[in-house]
Structures are given as structure tokens and as C-alpha cells.
């Protein structure tokens, strides 16, 4: 597991990051959505982008609620 500064450095250098969970949609989609938001993308744009690849992602009420309440940090 990497810290946010380490993850951000990898992504800024066009590096590859693997994110996975048992099913590949729920927690994975949430984690990817949070990373995208942290990188500055708008939440309204993130959900359809993630769901285009993982249609079941960001659908569970608890995960969607967490995503909607998440605030960017540095």
C-alpha cells in the first residue's frame, strides 16, 4: 500500500497503479473514483467514466454515499 504522495508521484510520472478487490467493481470502483477526484476531476464526471469500464461500480448506497461525502486533501 502506498501513501497519497507516493501514489500521486507514480501517476504524475505516467506510472501504473493496480487497484483490485474480490469482484473488481465495488471497492475497486470506489478507490479509483476517489483517486480520480483527488487528482482534480469533478465528481459528476467520474461516476460515468468509472461505470463505463465497471458498470456495477459506485452503485452500492454505502459506497456511493462515501464517495459523495469525500473531500479532497493534500
PDB file of N, CA and C in Angstrom:
ATOM      1  N   UNK A   1       0.839  -1.172   0.000  1.00  0.00           N
ATOM      2  CA  UNK A   1       0.000   0.000   0.000  1.00  0.00           C
ATOM      3  C   UNK A   1       0.894   1.249   0.000  1.00  0.00           C
ATOM      4  N   UNK A   2       0.540   2.189  -0.817  1.00  0.00           N
ATOM      5  CA  UNK A   2       1.306   3.427  -0.933  1.00  0.00           C
ATOM      6  C   UNK A   2       0.558   4.572  -0.258  1.00  0.00           C
ATOM      7  N   UNK A   3       1.307   5.572   0.170  1.00  0.00           N
ATOM      8  CA  UNK A   3       0.692   6.781   0.705  1.00  0.00           C
ATOM      9  C   UNK A   3       0.244   7.651  -0.466  1.00  0.00           C
ATOM     10  N   UNK A   4      -0.601   8.630  -0.199  1.00  0.00           N
ATOM     11  CA  UNK A   4      -1.079   9.500  -1.268  1.00  0.00           C
ATOM     12  C   UNK A   4       0.066  10.201  -1.993  1.00  0.00           C
ATOM     13  N   UNK A   5       1.067  10.785  -1.291  1.00  0.00           N
ATOM     14  CA  UNK A   5       2.170  11.422  -2.027  1.00  0.00           C
ATOM     15  C   UNK A   5       2.909  10.438  -2.947  1.00  0.00           C
ATOM     16  N   UNK A   6       3.106   9.209  -2.503  1.00  0.00           N
ATOM     17  CA  UNK A   6       3.777   8.216  -3.341  1.00  0.00           C
ATOM     18  C   UNK A   6       2.919   7.867  -4.553  1.00  0.00           C
ATOM     19  N   UNK A   7       1.634   7.661  -4.328  1.00  0.00           N
ATOM     20  CA  UNK A   7       0.715   7.328  -5.414  1.00  0.00           C
ATOM     21  C   UNK A   7       0.639   8.465  -6.427  1.00  0.00           C
ATOM     22  N   UNK A   8       0.535   9.690  -5.926  1.00  0.00           N
ATOM     23  CA  UNK A   8       0.477  10.856  -6.806  1.00  0.00           C
ATOM     24  C   UNK A   8       1.749  10.972  -7.649  1.00  0.00           C
ATOM     25  N   UNK A   9       2.906  10.702  -7.049  1.00  0.00           N
ATOM     26  CA  UNK A   9       4.170  10.763  -7.782  1.00  0.00           C
ATOM     27  C   UNK A   9       4.207   9.715  -8.894  1.00  0.00           C
ATOM     28  N   UNK A  10       3.743   8.520  -8.597  1.00  0.00           N
ATOM     29  CA  UNK A  10       3.714   7.458  -9.609  1.00  0.00           C
ATOM     30  C   UNK A  10       2.827   7.876 -10.780  1.00  0.00           C
ATOM     31  N   UNK A  11       1.642   8.376 -10.472  1.00  0.00           N
ATOM     32  CA  UNK A  11       0.698   8.767 -11.521  1.00  0.00           C
ATOM     33  C   UNK A  11       1.197   9.975 -12.318  1.00  0.00           C
ATOM     34  N   UNK A  12       1.861  10.909 -11.651  1.00  0.00           N
ATOM     35  CA  UNK A  12       2.355  12.103 -12.362  1.00  0.00           C
ATOM     36  C   UNK A  12       3.495  11.747 -13.323  1.00  0.00           C
ATOM     37  N   UNK A  13       4.146  10.623 -13.068  1.00  0.00           N
ATOM     38  CA  UNK A  13       5.223  10.163 -13.951  1.00  0.00           C
ATOM     39  C   UNK A  13       4.721   9.128 -14.956  1.00  0.00           C
ATOM     40  N   UNK A  14       3.398   9.086 -15.151  1.00  0.00           N
ATOM     41  CA  UNK A  14       2.763   8.157 -16.083  1.00  0.00           C
ATOM     42  C   UNK A  14       2.998   6.698 -15.689  1.00  0.00           C
ATOM     43  N   UNK A  15       3.181   6.465 -14.392  1.00  0.00           N
ATOM     44  CA  UNK A  15       3.376   5.110 -13.898  1.00  0.00           C
ATOM     45  C   UNK A  15       2.054   4.348 -13.850  1.00  0.00           C
ATOM     46  N   UNK A  16       2.156   3.080 -13.557  1.00  0.00           N
ATOM     47  CA  UNK A  16       0.990   2.200 -13.491  1.00  0.00           C
ATOM     48  C   UNK A  16       0.691   1.842 -12.054  1.00  0.00           C
ATOM     49  N   UNK A  17      -0.584   1.877 -11.711  1.00  0.00           N
ATOM     50  CA  UNK A  17      -1.041   1.513 -10.378  1.00  0.00           C
ATOM     51  C   UNK A  17      -2.143   0.474 -10.534  1.00  0.00           C
ATOM     52  N   UNK A  18      -2.043  -0.614  -9.796  1.00  0.00           N
ATOM     53  CA  UNK A  18      -3.075  -1.651  -9.828  1.00  0.00           C
ATOM     54  C   UNK A  18      -3.969  -1.496  -8.602  1.00  0.00           C
ATOM     55  N   UNK A  19      -5.276  -1.531  -8.838  1.00  0.00           N
ATOM     56  CA  UNK A  19      -6.267  -1.462  -7.763  1.00  0.00           C
ATOM     57  C   UNK A  19      -7.229  -2.610  -7.990  1.00  0.00           C
ATOM     58  N   UNK A  20      -7.458  -3.413  -6.962  1.00  0.00           N
ATOM     59  CA  UNK A  20      -8.366  -4.537  -7.147  1.00  0.00           C
ATOM     60  C   UNK A  20      -9.034  -4.931  -5.837  1.00  0.00           C
ATOM     61  N   UNK A  21     -10.151  -5.584  -5.967  1.00  0.00           N
ATOM     62  CA  UNK A  21     -10.855  -6.187  -4.845  1.00  0.00           C
ATOM     63  C   UNK A  21     -11.386  -7.524  -5.344  1.00  0.00           C
ATOM     64  N   UNK A  22     -12.116  -8.216  -4.530  1.00  0.00           N
ATOM     65  CA  UNK A  22     -12.584  -9.555  -4.904  1.00  0.00           C
ATOM     66  C   UNK A  22     -13.381  -9.562  -6.206  1.00  0.00           C
ATOM     67  N   UNK A  23     -14.345  -8.664  -6.338  1.00  0.00           N
ATOM     68  CA  UNK A  23     -15.192  -8.643  -7.530  1.00  0.00           C
ATOM     69  C   UNK A  23     -14.732  -7.690  -8.623  1.00  0.00           C
ATOM     70  N   UNK A  24     -13.887  -6.734  -8.266  1.00  0.00           N
ATOM     71  CA  UNK A  24     -13.365  -5.804  -9.256  1.00  0.00           C
ATOM     72  C   UNK A  24     -14.271  -4.645  -9.601  1.00  0.00           C
ATOM     73  N   UNK A  25     -15.339  -4.450  -8.849  1.00  0.00           N
ATOM     74  CA  UNK A  25     -16.238  -3.334  -9.156  1.00  0.00           C
ATOM     75  C   UNK A  25     -16.490  -2.445  -7.945  1.00  0.00           C
ATOM     76  N   UNK A  26     -16.996  -3.003  -6.882  1.00  0.00           N
ATOM     77  CA  UNK A  26     -17.409  -2.205  -5.730  1.00  0.00           C
ATOM     78  C   UNK A  26     -16.313  -1.380  -5.105  1.00  0.00           C
ATOM     79  N   UNK A  27     -15.447  -2.038  -4.368  1.00  0.00           N
ATOM     80  CA  UNK A  27     -14.360  -1.318  -3.704  1.00  0.00           C
ATOM     81  C   UNK A  27     -13.351  -0.784  -4.706  1.00  0.00           C
ATOM     82  N   UNK A  28     -13.115  -1.534  -5.768  1.00  0.00           N
ATOM     83  CA  UNK A  28     -12.190  -1.064  -6.805  1.00  0.00           C
ATOM     84  C   UNK A  28     -12.720   0.222  -7.432  1.00  0.00           C
ATOM     85  N   UNK A  29     -13.982   0.230  -7.814  1.00  0.00           N
ATOM     86  CA  UNK A  29     -14.576   1.423  -8.416  1.00  0.00           C
ATOM     87  C   UNK A  29     -14.549   2.608  -7.477  1.00  0.00           C
ATOM     88  N   UNK A  30     -14.806   2.346  -6.191  1.00  0.00           N
ATOM     89  CA  UNK A  30     -14.764   3.415  -5.196  1.00  0.00           C
ATOM     90  C   UNK A  30     -13.350   3.972  -5.085  1.00  0.00           C
ATOM     91  N   UNK A  31     -12.357   3.104  -4.979  1.00  0.00           N
ATOM     92  CA  UNK A  31     -10.973   3.559  -4.849  1.00  0.00           C
ATOM     93  C   UNK A  31     -10.539   4.364  -6.072  1.00  0.00           C
ATOM     94  N   UNK A  32     -10.869   3.874  -7.253  1.00  0.00           N
ATOM     95  CA  UNK A  32     -10.498   4.593  -8.475  1.00  0.00           C
ATOM     96  C   UNK A  32     -11.219   5.944  -8.540  1.00  0.00           C
ATOM     97  N   UNK A  33     -12.489   5.959  -8.184  1.00  0.00           N
ATOM     98  CA  UNK A  33     -13.240   7.221  -8.165  1.00  0.00           C
ATOM     99  C   UNK A  33     -12.626   8.230  -7.210  1.00  0.00           C
ATOM    100  N   UNK A  34     -12.208   7.771  -6.030  1.00  0.00           N
ATOM    101  CA  UNK A  34     -11.587   8.666  -5.055  1.00  0.00           C
ATOM    102  C   UNK A  34     -10.245   9.180  -5.567  1.00  0.00           C
ATOM    103  N   UNK A  35      -9.483   8.324  -6.208  1.00  0.00           N
ATOM    104  CA  UNK A  35      -8.199   8.753  -6.778  1.00  0.00           C
ATOM    105  C   UNK A  35      -8.434   9.791  -7.870  1.00  0.00           C
ATOM    106  N   UNK A  36      -9.396   9.541  -8.738  1.00  0.00           N
ATOM    107  CA  UNK A  36      -9.702  10.495  -9.809  1.00  0.00           C
ATOM    108  C   UNK A  36     -10.123  11.845  -9.235  1.00  0.00           C
ATOM    109  N   UNK A  37     -10.957  11.819  -8.201  1.00  0.00           N
ATOM    110  CA  UNK A  37     -11.391  13.072  -7.571  1.00  0.00           C
ATOM    111  C   UNK A  37     -10.200  13.776  -6.925  1.00  0.00           C
ATOM    112  N   UNK A  38      -9.362  13.005  -6.258  1.00  0.00           N
ATOM    113  CA  UNK A  38      -8.183  13.579  -5.615  1.00  0.00           C
ATOM    114  C   UNK A  38      -7.258  14.240  -6.642  1.00  0.00           C
ATOM    115  N   UNK A  39      -7.253  13.713  -7.860  1.00  0.00           N
ATOM    116  CA  UNK A  39      -6.435  14.293  -8.931  1.00  0.00           C
ATOM    117  C   UNK A  39      -7.084  15.515  -9.574  1.00  0.00           C
ATOM    118  N   UNK A  40      -8.294  15.861  -9.124  1.00  0.00           N
ATOM    119  CA  UNK A  40      -8.919  17.094  -9.581  1.00  0.00           C
ATOM    120  C   UNK A  40     -10.110  16.939 -10.505  1.00  0.00           C
ATOM    121  N   UNK A  41     -10.498  15.726 -10.839  1.00  0.00           N
ATOM    122  CA  UNK A  41     -11.662  15.541 -11.701  1.00  0.00           C
ATOM    123  C   UNK A  41     -12.946  15.797 -10.914  1.00  0.00           C
ATOM    124  N   UNK A  42     -13.952  16.274 -11.599  1.00  0.00           N
ATOM    125  CA  UNK A  42     -15.237  16.580 -10.991  1.00  0.00           C
ATOM    126  C   UNK A  42     -16.007  15.292 -10.710  1.00  0.00           C
ATOM    127  N   UNK A  43     -16.630  15.217  -9.538  1.00  0.00           N
ATOM    128  CA  UNK A  43     -17.369  14.014  -9.151  1.00  0.00           C
ATOM    129  C   UNK A  43     -18.441  13.633 -10.167  1.00  0.00           C
ATOM    130  N   UNK A  44     -19.114  14.615 -10.727  1.00  0.00           N
ATOM    131  CA  UNK A  44     -20.182  14.336 -11.693  1.00  0.00           C
ATOM    132  C   UNK A  44     -19.637  13.666 -12.956  1.00  0.00           C
ATOM    133  N   UNK A  45     -18.396  13.918 -13.285  1.00  0.00           N
ATOM    134  CA  UNK A  45     -17.775  13.301 -14.460  1.00  0.00           C
ATOM    135  C   UNK A  45     -17.183  11.926 -14.147  1.00  0.00           C
ATOM    136  N   UNK A  46     -16.801  11.727 -12.904  1.00  0.00           N
ATOM    137  CA  UNK A  46     -16.121  10.495 -12.510  1.00  0.00           C
ATOM    138  C   UNK A  46     -17.038   9.288 -12.581  1.00  0.00           C
ATOM    139  N   UNK A  47     -18.234   9.402 -12.037  1.00  0.00           N
ATOM    140  CA  UNK A  47     -19.132   8.245 -11.959  1.00  0.00           C
ATOM    141  C   UNK A  47     -19.382   7.629 -13.334  1.00  0.00           C
ATOM    142  N   UNK A  48     -19.786   8.380 -14.353  1.00  0.00           N
ATOM    143  CA  UNK A  48     -19.995   7.738 -15.653  1.00  0.00           C
ATOM    144  C   UNK A  48     -18.710   7.173 -16.272  1.00  0.00           C
ATOM    145  N   UNK A  49     -17.576   7.807 -16.005  1.00  0.00           N
ATOM    146  CA  UNK A  49     -16.313   7.296 -16.543  1.00  0.00           C
ATOM    147  C   UNK A  49     -15.954   5.950 -15.916  1.00  0.00           C
ATOM    148  N   UNK A  50     -16.106   5.852 -14.600  1.00  0.00           N
ATOM    149  CA  UNK A  50     -15.813   4.591 -13.918  1.00  0.00           C
ATOM    150  C   UNK A  50     -16.818   3.523 -14.345  1.00  0.00           C
ATOM    151  N   UNK A  51     -18.098   3.891 -14.417  1.00  0.00           N
ATOM    152  CA  UNK A  51     -19.133   2.920 -14.775  1.00  0.00           C
ATOM    153  C   UNK A  51     -19.044   2.478 -16.235  1.00  0.00           C
ATOM    154  N   UNK A  52     -18.394   3.256 -17.084  1.00  0.00           N
ATOM    155  CA  UNK A  52     -18.202   2.837 -18.472  1.00  0.00           C
ATOM    156  C   UNK A  52     -17.312   1.596 -18.533  1.00  0.00           C
ATOM    157  N   UNK A  53     -16.381   1.488 -17.589  1.00  0.00           N
ATOM    158  CA  UNK A  53     -15.490   0.329 -17.525  1.00  0.00           C
ATOM    159  C   UNK A  53     -16.011  -0.752 -16.577  1.00  0.00           C
ATOM    160  N   UNK A  54     -16.631  -0.319 -15.497  1.00  0.00           N
ATOM    161  CA  UNK A  54     -17.172  -1.231 -14.487  1.00  0.00           C
ATOM    162  C   UNK A  54     -18.600  -0.794 -14.176  1.00  0.00           C
ATOM    163  N   UNK A  55     -19.587  -1.299 -14.939  1.00  0.00           N
ATOM    164  CA  UNK A  55     -20.970  -0.831 -14.783  1.00  0.00           C
ATOM    165  C   UNK A  55     -21.552  -0.956 -13.372  1.00  0.00           C
ATOM    166  N   UNK A  56     -21.067  -1.903 -12.579  1.00  0.00           N
ATOM    167  CA  UNK A  56     -21.609  -2.084 -11.225  1.00  0.00           C
ATOM    168  C   UNK A  56     -20.911  -1.201 -10.190  1.00  0.00           C
ATOM    169  N   UNK A  57     -19.903  -0.472 -10.598  1.00  0.00           N
ATOM    170  CA  UNK A  57     -19.143   0.369  -9.669  1.00  0.00           C
ATOM    171  C   UNK A  57     -19.953   1.595  -9.255  1.00  0.00           C
ATOM    172  N   UNK A  58     -19.695   2.035  -8.048  1.00  0.00           N
ATOM    173  CA  UNK A  58     -20.325   3.233  -7.472  1.00  0.00           C
ATOM    174  C   UNK A  58     -21.852   3.172  -7.539  1.00  0.00           C
ATOM    175  N   UNK A  59     -22.397   1.994  -7.285  1.00  0.00           N
ATOM    176  CA  UNK A  59     -23.845   1.817  -7.228  1.00  0.00           C
ATOM    177  C   UNK A  59     -24.337   1.487  -5.830  1.00  0.00           C
ATOM    178  N   UNK A  60     -23.497   0.851  -5.020  1.00  0.00           N
ATOM    179  CA  UNK A  60     -23.910   0.465  -3.670  1.00  0.00           C
ATOM    180  C   UNK A  60     -24.118   1.740  -2.851  1.00  0.00           C
ATOM    181  N   UNK A  61     -25.256   1.852  -2.157  1.00  0.00           N
ATOM    182  CA  UNK A  61     -25.547   3.088  -1.412  1.00  0.00           C
ATOM    183  C   UNK A  61     -24.446   3.511  -0.441  1.00  0.00           C
ATOM    184  N   UNK A  62     -23.854   2.565   0.278  1.00  0.00           N
ATOM    185  CA  UNK A  62     -22.814   2.928   1.246  1.00  0.00           C
ATOM    186  C   UNK A  62     -21.583   3.474   0.537  1.00  0.00           C
ATOM    187  N   UNK A  63     -21.181   2.839  -0.553  1.00  0.00           N
ATOM    188  CA  UNK A  63     -20.004   3.295  -1.288  1.00  0.00           C
ATOM    189  C   UNK A  63     -20.269   4.618  -1.997  1.00  0.00           C
ATOM    190  N   UNK A  64     -21.429   4.743  -2.586  1.00  0.00           N
ATOM    191  CA  UNK A  64     -21.788   5.993  -3.255  1.00  0.00           C
ATOM    192  C   UNK A  64     -21.884   7.135  -2.247  1.00  0.00           C
ATOM    193  N   UNK A  65     -22.448   6.853  -1.072  1.00  0.00           N
ATOM    194  CA  UNK A  65     -22.531   7.871  -0.022  1.00  0.00           C
ATOM    195  C   UNK A  65     -21.154   8.325   0.431  1.00  0.00           C
ATOM    196  N   UNK A  66     -20.236   7.367   0.607  1.00  0.00           N
ATOM    197  CA  UNK A  66     -18.868   7.710   1.000  1.00  0.00           C
ATOM    198  C   UNK A  66     -18.210   8.557  -0.090  1.00  0.00           C
ATOM    199  N   UNK A  67     -18.376   8.148  -1.338  1.00  0.00           N
ATOM    200  CA  UNK A  67     -17.800   8.892  -2.463  1.00  0.00           C
ATOM    201  C   UNK A  67     -18.333  10.325  -2.485  1.00  0.00           C
ATOM    202  N   UNK A  68     -19.627  10.485  -2.322  1.00  0.00           N
ATOM    203  CA  UNK A  68     -20.229  11.820  -2.377  1.00  0.00           C
ATOM    204  C   UNK A  68     -19.795  12.716  -1.222  1.00  0.00           C
ATOM    205  N   UNK A  69     -19.435  12.131  -0.083  1.00  0.00           N
ATOM    206  CA  UNK A  69     -19.003  12.921   1.073  1.00  0.00           C
ATOM    207  C   UNK A  69     -17.501  13.177   1.093  1.00  0.00           C
ATOM    208  N   UNK A  70     -16.755  12.486   0.236  1.00  0.00           N
ATOM    209  CA  UNK A  70     -15.301  12.587   0.235  1.00  0.00           C
ATOM    210  C   UNK A  70     -14.858  13.985  -0.179  1.00  0.00           C
ATOM    211  N   UNK A  71     -13.917  14.536   0.557  1.00  0.00           N
ATOM    212  CA  UNK A  71     -13.322  15.847   0.234  1.00  0.00           C
ATOM    213  C   UNK A  71     -11.865  15.654  -0.114  1.00  0.00           C
ATOM    214  N   UNK A  72     -11.409  16.405  -1.070  1.00  0.00           N
ATOM    215  CA  UNK A  72     -10.000  16.310  -1.485  1.00  0.00           C
ATOM    216  C   UNK A  72      -9.089  16.741  -0.332  1.00  0.00           C
ATOM    217  N   UNK A  73      -7.910  16.190  -0.308  1.00  0.00           N
ATOM    218  CA  UNK A  73      -6.898  16.550   0.690  1.00  0.00           C
ATOM    219  C   UNK A  73      -5.549  16.674   0.002  1.00  0.00           C
ATOM    220  N   UNK A  74      -4.595  17.188   0.688  1.00  0.00           N
ATOM    221  CA  UNK A  74      -3.215  17.299   0.154  1.00  0.00           C
ATOM    222  C   UNK A  74      -2.255  16.631   1.069  1.00  0.00           C
TER     223      UNK A  74
END
